[in-house]
């Protein structure tokens, strides 16, 4: 597996963890997005490993 595959795996793993933590706190994607300055679709993209979240 190359670097790109490893990056994709890391993003997916991060996204799964984000979703688990969000759900554990009882937040919708909209609510989490409002707290971090993202929209619902942006949160969904991060959770699905399609978007790299901003470090801030």
C-alpha atoms as a PDB file:
ATOM      1  CA  UNK A   1       0.000   0.000   0.000  1.00  0.00           C
ATOM      2  CA  UNK A   2       1.360   3.405  -0.962  1.00  0.00           C
ATOM      3  CA  UNK A   3       1.281   6.681   0.842  1.00  0.00           C
ATOM      4  CA  UNK A   4      -2.027   7.674  -0.748  1.00  0.00           C
ATOM      5  CA  UNK A   5      -3.727   4.507   0.545  1.00  0.00           C
ATOM      6  CA  UNK A   6      -2.311   5.104   4.002  1.00  0.00           C
ATOM      7  CA  UNK A   7      -3.566   8.700   3.960  1.00  0.00           C
ATOM      8  CA  UNK A   8      -7.017   7.530   2.917  1.00  0.00           C
ATOM      9  CA  UNK A   9      -7.058   4.975   5.724  1.00  0.00           C
ATOM     10  CA  UNK A  10      -6.056   7.599   8.253  1.00  0.00           C
ATOM     11  CA  UNK A  11      -8.770   9.976   7.062  1.00  0.00           C
ATOM     12  CA  UNK A  12     -11.405   7.258   7.239  1.00  0.00           C
ATOM     13  CA  UNK A  13     -10.257   6.239  10.711  1.00  0.00           C
ATOM     14  CA  UNK A  14     -10.339   9.841  11.885  1.00  0.00           C
ATOM     15  CA  UNK A  15     -13.797  10.259  10.377  1.00  0.00           C
ATOM     16  CA  UNK A  16     -15.121   7.166  12.147  1.00  0.00           C
ATOM     17  CA  UNK A  17     -13.783   8.423  15.458  1.00  0.00           C
ATOM     18  CA  UNK A  18     -15.269  11.863  14.897  1.00  0.00           C
ATOM     19  CA  UNK A  19     -18.676  10.342  14.157  1.00  0.00           C
ATOM     20  CA  UNK A  20     -18.543   8.110  17.230  1.00  0.00           C
ATOM     21  CA  UNK A  21     -17.598  11.028  19.474  1.00  0.00           C
ATOM     22  CA  UNK A  22     -20.237  13.290  17.912  1.00  0.00           C
ATOM     23  CA  UNK A  23     -22.945  10.687  18.401  1.00  0.00           C
ATOM     24  CA  UNK A  24     -21.789   9.930  21.937  1.00  0.00           C
ATOM     25  CA  UNK A  25     -22.257  13.598  22.781  1.00  0.00           C
ATOM     26  CA  UNK A  26     -25.709  13.558  21.197  1.00  0.00           C
ATOM     27  CA  UNK A  27     -24.834  16.138  18.549  1.00  0.00           C
ATOM     28  CA  UNK A  28     -26.214  16.241  15.034  1.00  0.00           C
ATOM     29  CA  UNK A  29     -23.920  17.084  12.142  1.00  0.00           C
ATOM     30  CA  UNK A  30     -25.531  20.520  12.053  1.00  0.00           C
ATOM     31  CA  UNK A  31     -24.849  21.119  15.751  1.00  0.00           C
ATOM     32  CA  UNK A  32     -21.216  20.035  15.522  1.00  0.00           C
ATOM     33  CA  UNK A  33     -20.775  22.081  12.364  1.00  0.00           C
ATOM     34  CA  UNK A  34     -22.117  25.190  14.078  1.00  0.00           C
ATOM     35  CA  UNK A  35     -19.591  24.725  16.888  1.00  0.00           C
ATOM     36  CA  UNK A  36     -16.598  24.361  14.563  1.00  0.00           C
ATOM     37  CA  UNK A  37     -17.643  26.616  11.682  1.00  0.00           C
ATOM     38  CA  UNK A  38     -18.519  23.857   9.186  1.00  0.00           C
ATOM     39  CA  UNK A  39     -21.774  23.020   7.451  1.00  0.00           C
ATOM     40  CA  UNK A  40     -23.572  19.672   7.721  1.00  0.00           C
ATOM     41  CA  UNK A  41     -22.155  18.496   4.385  1.00  0.00           C
ATOM     42  CA  UNK A  42     -18.610  19.393   5.428  1.00  0.00           C
ATOM     43  CA  UNK A  43     -18.980  17.360   8.637  1.00  0.00           C
ATOM     44  CA  UNK A  44     -20.338  14.451   6.597  1.00  0.00           C
ATOM     45  CA  UNK A  45     -17.341  14.655   4.242  1.00  0.00           C
ATOM     46  CA  UNK A  46     -14.905  14.562   7.163  1.00  0.00           C
ATOM     47  CA  UNK A  47     -16.739  11.633   8.766  1.00  0.00           C
ATOM     48  CA  UNK A  48     -16.614   9.733   5.477  1.00  0.00           C
ATOM     49  CA  UNK A  49     -12.892  10.372   4.991  1.00  0.00           C
ATOM     50  CA  UNK A  50     -13.385  12.567   1.930  1.00  0.00           C
ATOM     51  CA  UNK A  51     -12.219  15.860   3.459  1.00  0.00           C
ATOM     52  CA  UNK A  52      -9.258  16.823   5.583  1.00  0.00           C
ATOM     53  CA  UNK A  53     -10.439  18.927   8.530  1.00  0.00           C
ATOM     54  CA  UNK A  54      -8.761  22.214   9.270  1.00  0.00           C
ATOM     55  CA  UNK A  55      -6.266  21.921  12.156  1.00  0.00           C
ATOM     56  CA  UNK A  56      -7.870  24.913  13.846  1.00  0.00           C
END
